[in-house]
């Protein structure tokens, strides 16, 4: 298992239906944690890089309705 943490900046805050969709993203195999920080408008995602890629995570967040603005790799786990 190769754990990575990536932080995604987003535009407008998620509405109620988008927040529910983000909750479903947490259940994706290989996803370890998803932390929404409304103050900094960022989402910190820890995931298993042997199961998912950064592009996969970005696609999941966009499918949930999040307007991704920027991405930064934070750390290896």
PDB file of N, CA and C in Angstrom:
ATOM      1  N   UNK A   1       0.852  -1.171   0.000  1.00  0.00           N
ATOM      2  CA  UNK A   1       0.000   0.000   0.000  1.00  0.00           C
ATOM      3  C   UNK A   1       0.902   1.240   0.000  1.00  0.00           C
ATOM      4  N   UNK A   2       0.611   2.152  -0.892  1.00  0.00           N
ATOM      5  CA  UNK A   2       1.337   3.414  -0.988  1.00  0.00           C
ATOM      6  C   UNK A   2       0.362   4.549  -0.707  1.00  0.00           C
ATOM      7  N   UNK A   3       0.484   5.152   0.461  1.00  0.00           N
ATOM      8  CA  UNK A   3      -0.444   6.215   0.834  1.00  0.00           C
ATOM      9  C   UNK A   3       0.076   7.569   0.378  1.00  0.00           C
ATOM     10  N   UNK A   4      -0.797   8.349  -0.218  1.00  0.00           N
ATOM     11  CA  UNK A   4      -0.493   9.715  -0.615  1.00  0.00           C
ATOM     12  C   UNK A   4      -1.553  10.639  -0.057  1.00  0.00           C
ATOM     13  N   UNK A   5      -1.167  11.876   0.203  1.00  0.00           N
ATOM     14  CA  UNK A   5      -2.104  12.921   0.564  1.00  0.00           C
ATOM     15  C   UNK A   5      -2.029  14.006  -0.499  1.00  0.00           C
ATOM     16  N   UNK A   6      -3.185  14.413  -0.983  1.00  0.00           N
ATOM     17  CA  UNK A   6      -3.271  15.467  -1.986  1.00  0.00           C
ATOM     18  C   UNK A   6      -4.313  16.472  -1.525  1.00  0.00           C
ATOM     19  N   UNK A   7      -3.988  17.741  -1.707  1.00  0.00           N
ATOM     20  CA  UNK A   7      -4.930  18.798  -1.345  1.00  0.00           C
ATOM     21  C   UNK A   7      -5.458  19.452  -2.612  1.00  0.00           C
ATOM     22  N   UNK A   8      -6.777  19.538  -2.695  1.00  0.00           N
ATOM     23  CA  UNK A   8      -7.452  20.153  -3.832  1.00  0.00           C
ATOM     24  C   UNK A   8      -8.110  21.440  -3.367  1.00  0.00           C
ATOM     25  N   UNK A   9      -7.818  22.545  -4.044  1.00  0.00           N
ATOM     26  CA  UNK A   9      -8.521  23.792  -3.783  1.00  0.00           C
ATOM     27  C   UNK A   9      -9.799  23.806  -4.602  1.00  0.00           C
ATOM     28  N   UNK A  10     -10.846  24.433  -4.079  1.00  0.00           N
ATOM     29  CA  UNK A  10     -12.100  24.478  -4.816  1.00  0.00           C
ATOM     30  C   UNK A  10     -12.675  25.889  -4.804  1.00  0.00           C
ATOM     31  N   UNK A  11     -13.644  26.128  -5.700  1.00  0.00           N
ATOM     32  CA  UNK A  11     -14.290  27.433  -5.820  1.00  0.00           C
ATOM     33  C   UNK A  11     -15.360  27.621  -4.771  1.00  0.00           C
ATOM     34  N   UNK A  12     -16.596  27.537  -5.180  1.00  0.00           N
ATOM     35  CA  UNK A  12     -17.702  27.755  -4.237  1.00  0.00           C
ATOM     36  C   UNK A  12     -17.858  26.552  -3.308  1.00  0.00           C
ATOM     37  N   UNK A  13     -18.343  26.791  -2.091  1.00  0.00           N
ATOM     38  CA  UNK A  13     -18.551  25.688  -1.150  1.00  0.00           C
ATOM     39  C   UNK A  13     -19.586  24.703  -1.681  1.00  0.00           C
ATOM     40  N   UNK A  14     -19.407  23.421  -1.403  1.00  0.00           N
ATOM     41  CA  UNK A  14     -20.382  22.411  -1.842  1.00  0.00           C
ATOM     42  C   UNK A  14     -21.746  22.653  -1.206  1.00  0.00           C
ATOM     43  N   UNK A  15     -22.791  22.457  -2.008  1.00  0.00           N
ATOM     44  CA  UNK A  15     -24.146  22.549  -1.458  1.00  0.00           C
ATOM     45  C   UNK A  15     -24.493  21.206  -0.801  1.00  0.00           C
ATOM     46  N   UNK A  16     -25.707  21.075  -0.328  1.00  0.00           N
ATOM     47  CA  UNK A  16     -26.105  19.873   0.424  1.00  0.00           C
ATOM     48  C   UNK A  16     -25.987  18.598  -0.410  1.00  0.00           C
ATOM     49  N   UNK A  17     -26.453  18.620  -1.658  1.00  0.00           N
ATOM     50  CA  UNK A  17     -26.385  17.407  -2.484  1.00  0.00           C
ATOM     51  C   UNK A  17     -24.938  17.066  -2.843  1.00  0.00           C
ATOM     52  N   UNK A  18     -24.107  18.081  -3.047  1.00  0.00           N
ATOM     53  CA  UNK A  18     -22.688  17.833  -3.332  1.00  0.00           C
ATOM     54  C   UNK A  18     -21.978  17.280  -2.099  1.00  0.00           C
ATOM     55  N   UNK A  19     -22.356  17.761  -0.923  1.00  0.00           N
ATOM     56  CA  UNK A  19     -21.774  17.243   0.317  1.00  0.00           C
ATOM     57  C   UNK A  19     -22.128  15.767   0.507  1.00  0.00           C
ATOM     58  N   UNK A  20     -23.370  15.399   0.157  1.00  0.00           N
ATOM     59  CA  UNK A  20     -23.761  13.980   0.230  1.00  0.00           C
ATOM     60  C   UNK A  20     -22.953  13.158  -0.771  1.00  0.00           C
ATOM     61  N   UNK A  21     -22.751  13.704  -1.965  1.00  0.00           N
ATOM     62  CA  UNK A  21     -21.965  12.999  -2.984  1.00  0.00           C
ATOM     63  C   UNK A  21     -20.515  12.839  -2.522  1.00  0.00           C
ATOM     64  N   UNK A  22     -19.966  13.855  -1.850  1.00  0.00           N
ATOM     65  CA  UNK A  22     -18.602  13.739  -1.307  1.00  0.00           C
ATOM     66  C   UNK A  22     -18.537  12.644  -0.252  1.00  0.00           C
ATOM     67  N   UNK A  23     -19.585  12.507   0.524  1.00  0.00           N
ATOM     68  CA  UNK A  23     -19.639  11.449   1.522  1.00  0.00           C
ATOM     69  C   UNK A  23     -19.568  10.074   0.849  1.00  0.00           C
ATOM     70  N   UNK A  24     -20.216   9.935  -0.307  1.00  0.00           N
ATOM     71  CA  UNK A  24     -20.156   8.679  -1.054  1.00  0.00           C
ATOM     72  C   UNK A  24     -18.759   8.414  -1.611  1.00  0.00           C
ATOM     73  N   UNK A  25     -18.028   9.478  -1.944  1.00  0.00           N
ATOM     74  CA  UNK A  25     -16.655   9.321  -2.450  1.00  0.00           C
ATOM     75  C   UNK A  25     -15.782   8.660  -1.392  1.00  0.00           C
ATOM     76  N   UNK A  26     -16.069   8.917  -0.135  1.00  0.00           N
ATOM     77  CA  UNK A  26     -15.290   8.309   0.960  1.00  0.00           C
ATOM     78  C   UNK A  26     -15.367   6.782   0.937  1.00  0.00           C
ATOM     79  N   UNK A  27     -16.418   6.239   0.329  1.00  0.00           N
ATOM     80  CA  UNK A  27     -16.616   4.794   0.300  1.00  0.00           C
ATOM     81  C   UNK A  27     -15.910   4.102  -0.868  1.00  0.00           C
ATOM     82  N   UNK A  28     -15.259   4.864  -1.724  1.00  0.00           N
ATOM     83  CA  UNK A  28     -14.561   4.280  -2.878  1.00  0.00           C
ATOM     84  C   UNK A  28     -13.361   3.479  -2.379  1.00  0.00           C
ATOM     85  N   UNK A  29     -13.194   2.281  -2.936  1.00  0.00           N
ATOM     86  CA  UNK A  29     -12.082   1.413  -2.540  1.00  0.00           C
ATOM     87  C   UNK A  29     -10.751   2.102  -2.825  1.00  0.00           C
ATOM     88  N   UNK A  30      -9.903   2.198  -1.831  1.00  0.00           N
ATOM     89  CA  UNK A  30      -8.615   2.857  -1.962  1.00  0.00           C
ATOM     90  C   UNK A  30      -8.595   4.243  -1.336  1.00  0.00           C
ATOM     91  N   UNK A  31      -9.766   4.775  -1.045  1.00  0.00           N
ATOM     92  CA  UNK A  31      -9.873   6.085  -0.397  1.00  0.00           C
ATOM     93  C   UNK A  31      -9.693   5.882   1.099  1.00  0.00           C
ATOM     94  N   UNK A  32      -8.782   6.609   1.698  1.00  0.00           N
ATOM     95  CA  UNK A  32      -8.538   6.469   3.135  1.00  0.00           C
ATOM     96  C   UNK A  32      -9.267   7.546   3.937  1.00  0.00           C
ATOM     97  N   UNK A  33      -9.151   8.805   3.508  1.00  0.00           N
ATOM     98  CA  UNK A  33      -9.873   9.874   4.205  1.00  0.00           C
ATOM     99  C   UNK A  33     -10.076  11.057   3.266  1.00  0.00           C
ATOM    100  N   UNK A  34     -11.078  11.834   3.588  1.00  0.00           N
ATOM    101  CA  UNK A  34     -11.414  13.031   2.824  1.00  0.00           C
ATOM    102  C   UNK A  34     -11.834  14.080   3.845  1.00  0.00           C
ATOM    103  N   UNK A  35     -11.067  15.169   3.928  1.00  0.00           N
ATOM    104  CA  UNK A  35     -11.332  16.201   4.920  1.00  0.00           C
ATOM    105  C   UNK A  35     -11.597  17.520   4.207  1.00  0.00           C
ATOM    106  N   UNK A  36     -12.776  18.049   4.416  1.00  0.00           N
ATOM    107  CA  UNK A  36     -13.200  19.307   3.804  1.00  0.00           C
ATOM    108  C   UNK A  36     -12.873  20.449   4.766  1.00  0.00           C
ATOM    109  N   UNK A  37     -12.116  21.442   4.290  1.00  0.00           N
ATOM    110  CA  UNK A  37     -11.787  22.614   5.096  1.00  0.00           C
ATOM    111  C   UNK A  37     -12.444  23.821   4.432  1.00  0.00           C
ATOM    112  N   UNK A  38     -13.579  24.237   4.951  1.00  0.00           N
ATOM    113  CA  UNK A  38     -14.337  25.331   4.337  1.00  0.00           C
ATOM    114  C   UNK A  38     -13.610  26.667   4.455  1.00  0.00           C
ATOM    115  N   UNK A  39     -12.834  26.861   5.520  1.00  0.00           N
ATOM    116  CA  UNK A  39     -12.131  28.124   5.719  1.00  0.00           C
ATOM    117  C   UNK A  39     -11.093  28.359   4.624  1.00  0.00           C
ATOM    118  N   UNK A  40     -10.300  27.330   4.313  1.00  0.00           N
ATOM    119  CA  UNK A  40      -9.268  27.477   3.281  1.00  0.00           C
ATOM    120  C   UNK A  40      -9.766  27.033   1.901  1.00  0.00           C
ATOM    121  N   UNK A  41     -11.039  26.604   1.849  1.00  0.00           N
ATOM    122  CA  UNK A  41     -11.636  26.096   0.604  1.00  0.00           C
ATOM    123  C   UNK A  41     -10.738  25.036  -0.032  1.00  0.00           C
ATOM    124  N   UNK A  42     -10.480  24.016   0.773  1.00  0.00           N
ATOM    125  CA  UNK A  42      -9.654  22.915   0.285  1.00  0.00           C
ATOM    126  C   UNK A  42     -10.202  21.583   0.783  1.00  0.00           C
ATOM    127  N   UNK A  43      -9.823  20.546   0.060  1.00  0.00           N
ATOM    128  CA  UNK A  43     -10.180  19.182   0.434  1.00  0.00           C
ATOM    129  C   UNK A  43      -8.883  18.391   0.489  1.00  0.00           C
ATOM    130  N   UNK A  44      -8.581  17.837   1.646  1.00  0.00           N
ATOM    131  CA  UNK A  44      -7.401  17.005   1.823  1.00  0.00           C
ATOM    132  C   UNK A  44      -7.836  15.553   1.671  1.00  0.00           C
ATOM    133  N   UNK A  45      -7.195  14.852   0.738  1.00  0.00           N
ATOM    134  CA  UNK A  45      -7.556  13.470   0.449  1.00  0.00           C
ATOM    135  C   UNK A  45      -6.344  12.581   0.691  1.00  0.00           C
ATOM    136  N   UNK A  46      -6.533  11.535   1.491  1.00  0.00           N
ATOM    137  CA  UNK A  46      -5.515  10.504   1.658  1.00  0.00           C
ATOM    138  C   UNK A  46      -6.030   9.266   0.940  1.00  0.00           C
ATOM    139  N   UNK A  47      -5.189   8.693   0.085  1.00  0.00           N
ATOM    140  CA  UNK A  47      -5.634   7.547  -0.702  1.00  0.00           C
ATOM    141  C   UNK A  47      -4.486   6.583  -0.951  1.00  0.00           C
ATOM    142  N   UNK A  48      -4.847   5.377  -1.336  1.00  0.00           N
ATOM    143  CA  UNK A  48      -3.895   4.326  -1.660  1.00  0.00           C
ATOM    144  C   UNK A  48      -3.534   4.468  -3.137  1.00  0.00           C
ATOM    145  N   UNK A  49      -2.303   4.896  -3.397  1.00  0.00           N
ATOM    146  CA  UNK A  49      -1.866   5.144  -4.775  1.00  0.00           C
ATOM    147  C   UNK A  49      -1.691   3.858  -5.577  1.00  0.00           C
ATOM    148  N   UNK A  50      -1.734   2.704  -4.922  1.00  0.00           N
ATOM    149  CA  UNK A  50      -1.689   1.447  -5.672  1.00  0.00           C
ATOM    150  C   UNK A  50      -3.080   1.086  -6.198  1.00  0.00           C
ATOM    151  N   UNK A  51      -4.099   1.793  -5.738  1.00  0.00           N
ATOM    152  CA  UNK A  51      -5.487   1.551  -6.168  1.00  0.00           C
ATOM    153  C   UNK A  51      -6.051   2.699  -7.007  1.00  0.00           C
ATOM    154  N   UNK A  52      -5.662   3.931  -6.681  1.00  0.00           N
ATOM    155  CA  UNK A  52      -6.206   5.118  -7.336  1.00  0.00           C
ATOM    156  C   UNK A  52      -5.071   6.051  -7.746  1.00  0.00           C
ATOM    157  N   UNK A  53      -5.355   6.904  -8.722  1.00  0.00           N
ATOM    158  CA  UNK A  53      -4.394   7.931  -9.114  1.00  0.00           C
ATOM    159  C   UNK A  53      -4.953   9.295  -8.716  1.00  0.00           C
ATOM    160  N   UNK A  54      -4.103  10.301  -8.784  1.00  0.00           N
ATOM    161  CA  UNK A  54      -4.556  11.658  -8.506  1.00  0.00           C
ATOM    162  C   UNK A  54      -5.663  12.060  -9.481  1.00  0.00           C
ATOM    163  N   UNK A  55      -5.535  11.626 -10.724  1.00  0.00           N
ATOM    164  CA  UNK A  55      -6.567  11.914 -11.732  1.00  0.00           C
ATOM    165  C   UNK A  55      -7.892  11.248 -11.368  1.00  0.00           C
ATOM    166  N   UNK A  56      -7.830  10.030 -10.827  1.00  0.00           N
ATOM    167  CA  UNK A  56      -9.047   9.340 -10.382  1.00  0.00           C
ATOM    168  C   UNK A  56      -9.742  10.144  -9.277  1.00  0.00           C
ATOM    169  N   UNK A  57      -8.950  10.607  -8.323  1.00  0.00           N
ATOM    170  CA  UNK A  57      -9.498  11.364  -7.196  1.00  0.00           C
ATOM    171  C   UNK A  57     -10.141  12.653  -7.703  1.00  0.00           C
ATOM    172  N   UNK A  58      -9.430  13.343  -8.586  1.00  0.00           N
ATOM    173  CA  UNK A  58      -9.951  14.590  -9.157  1.00  0.00           C
ATOM    174  C   UNK A  58     -11.268  14.330  -9.892  1.00  0.00           C
ATOM    175  N   UNK A  59     -11.327  13.260 -10.655  1.00  0.00           N
ATOM    176  CA  UNK A  59     -12.556  12.916 -11.389  1.00  0.00           C
ATOM    177  C   UNK A  59     -13.698  12.600 -10.426  1.00  0.00           C
ATOM    178  N   UNK A  60     -13.414  11.900  -9.332  1.00  0.00           N
ATOM    179  CA  UNK A  60     -14.442  11.592  -8.336  1.00  0.00           C
ATOM    180  C   UNK A  60     -14.982  12.870  -7.692  1.00  0.00           C
ATOM    181  N   UNK A  61     -14.083  13.798  -7.366  1.00  0.00           N
ATOM    182  CA  UNK A  61     -14.512  15.056  -6.751  1.00  0.00           C
ATOM    183  C   UNK A  61     -15.341  15.885  -7.727  1.00  0.00           C
ATOM    184  N   UNK A  62     -14.908  15.927  -8.972  1.00  0.00           N
ATOM    185  CA  UNK A  62     -15.671  16.676  -9.980  1.00  0.00           C
ATOM    186  C   UNK A  62     -17.035  16.032 -10.231  1.00  0.00           C
ATOM    187  N   UNK A  63     -17.082  14.704 -10.232  1.00  0.00           N
ATOM    188  CA  UNK A  63     -18.360  14.008 -10.412  1.00  0.00           C
ATOM    189  C   UNK A  63     -19.314  14.296  -9.254  1.00  0.00           C
ATOM    190  N   UNK A  64     -18.748  14.574  -8.082  1.00  0.00           N
ATOM    191  CA  UNK A  64     -19.565  14.932  -6.918  1.00  0.00           C
ATOM    192  C   UNK A  64     -20.049  16.384  -7.002  1.00  0.00           C
ATOM    193  N   UNK A  65     -19.527  17.134  -7.973  1.00  0.00           N
ATOM    194  CA  UNK A  65     -19.967  18.517  -8.166  1.00  0.00           C
ATOM    195  C   UNK A  65     -19.017  19.571  -7.647  1.00  0.00           C
ATOM    196  N   UNK A  66     -17.835  19.162  -7.173  1.00  0.00           N
ATOM    197  CA  UNK A  66     -16.866  20.111  -6.628  1.00  0.00           C
ATOM    198  C   UNK A  66     -16.124  20.792  -7.781  1.00  0.00           C
ATOM    199  N   UNK A  67     -16.001  22.112  -7.693  1.00  0.00           N
ATOM    200  CA  UNK A  67     -15.270  22.879  -8.707  1.00  0.00           C
ATOM    201  C   UNK A  67     -13.799  22.949  -8.310  1.00  0.00           C
ATOM    202  N   UNK A  68     -13.005  21.997  -8.795  1.00  0.00           N
ATOM    203  CA  UNK A  68     -11.583  21.936  -8.458  1.00  0.00           C
ATOM    204  C   UNK A  68     -10.848  23.082  -9.133  1.00  0.00           C
ATOM    205  N   UNK A  69     -10.030  23.812  -8.370  1.00  0.00           N
ATOM    206  CA  UNK A  69      -9.253  24.938  -8.888  1.00  0.00           C
ATOM    207  C   UNK A  69      -7.763  24.613  -9.003  1.00  0.00           C
ATOM    208  N   UNK A  70      -7.241  23.906  -8.018  1.00  0.00           N
ATOM    209  CA  UNK A  70      -5.807  23.610  -7.985  1.00  0.00           C
ATOM    210  C   UNK A  70      -5.553  22.347  -7.207  1.00  0.00           C
ATOM    211  N   UNK A  71      -4.384  21.764  -7.420  1.00  0.00           N
ATOM    212  CA  UNK A  71      -4.009  20.518  -6.763  1.00  0.00           C
ATOM    213  C   UNK A  71      -2.584  20.644  -6.247  1.00  0.00           C
ATOM    214  N   UNK A  72      -2.321  20.102  -5.071  1.00  0.00           N
ATOM    215  CA  UNK A  72      -0.972  20.089  -4.520  1.00  0.00           C
ATOM    216  C   UNK A  72      -0.764  18.789  -3.766  1.00  0.00           C
ATOM    217  N   UNK A  73       0.306  18.066  -4.105  1.00  0.00           N
ATOM    218  CA  UNK A  73       0.655  16.873  -3.340  1.00  0.00           C
ATOM    219  C   UNK A  73       1.212  17.326  -2.008  1.00  0.00           C
ATOM    220  N   UNK A  74       0.632  16.827  -0.935  1.00  0.00           N
ATOM    221  CA  UNK A  74       1.022  17.261   0.396  1.00  0.00           C
ATOM    222  C   UNK A  74       2.134  16.378   0.956  1.00  0.00           C
ATOM    223  N   UNK A  75       1.932  15.046   0.928  1.00  0.00           N
ATOM    224  CA  UNK A  75       2.919  14.151   1.536  1.00  0.00           C
ATOM    225  C   UNK A  75       2.656  12.716   1.148  1.00  0.00           C
ATOM    226  N   UNK A  76       3.698  11.914   1.247  1.00  0.00           N
ATOM    227  CA  UNK A  76       3.549  10.463   1.147  1.00  0.00           C
ATOM    228  C   UNK A  76       3.257   9.947   2.543  1.00  0.00           C
ATOM    229  N   UNK A  77       2.374   8.952   2.611  1.00  0.00           N
ATOM    230  CA  UNK A  77       2.012   8.408   3.926  1.00  0.00           C
ATOM    231  C   UNK A  77       2.934   7.369   4.424  1.00  0.00           C
TER     232      UNK A  77
END
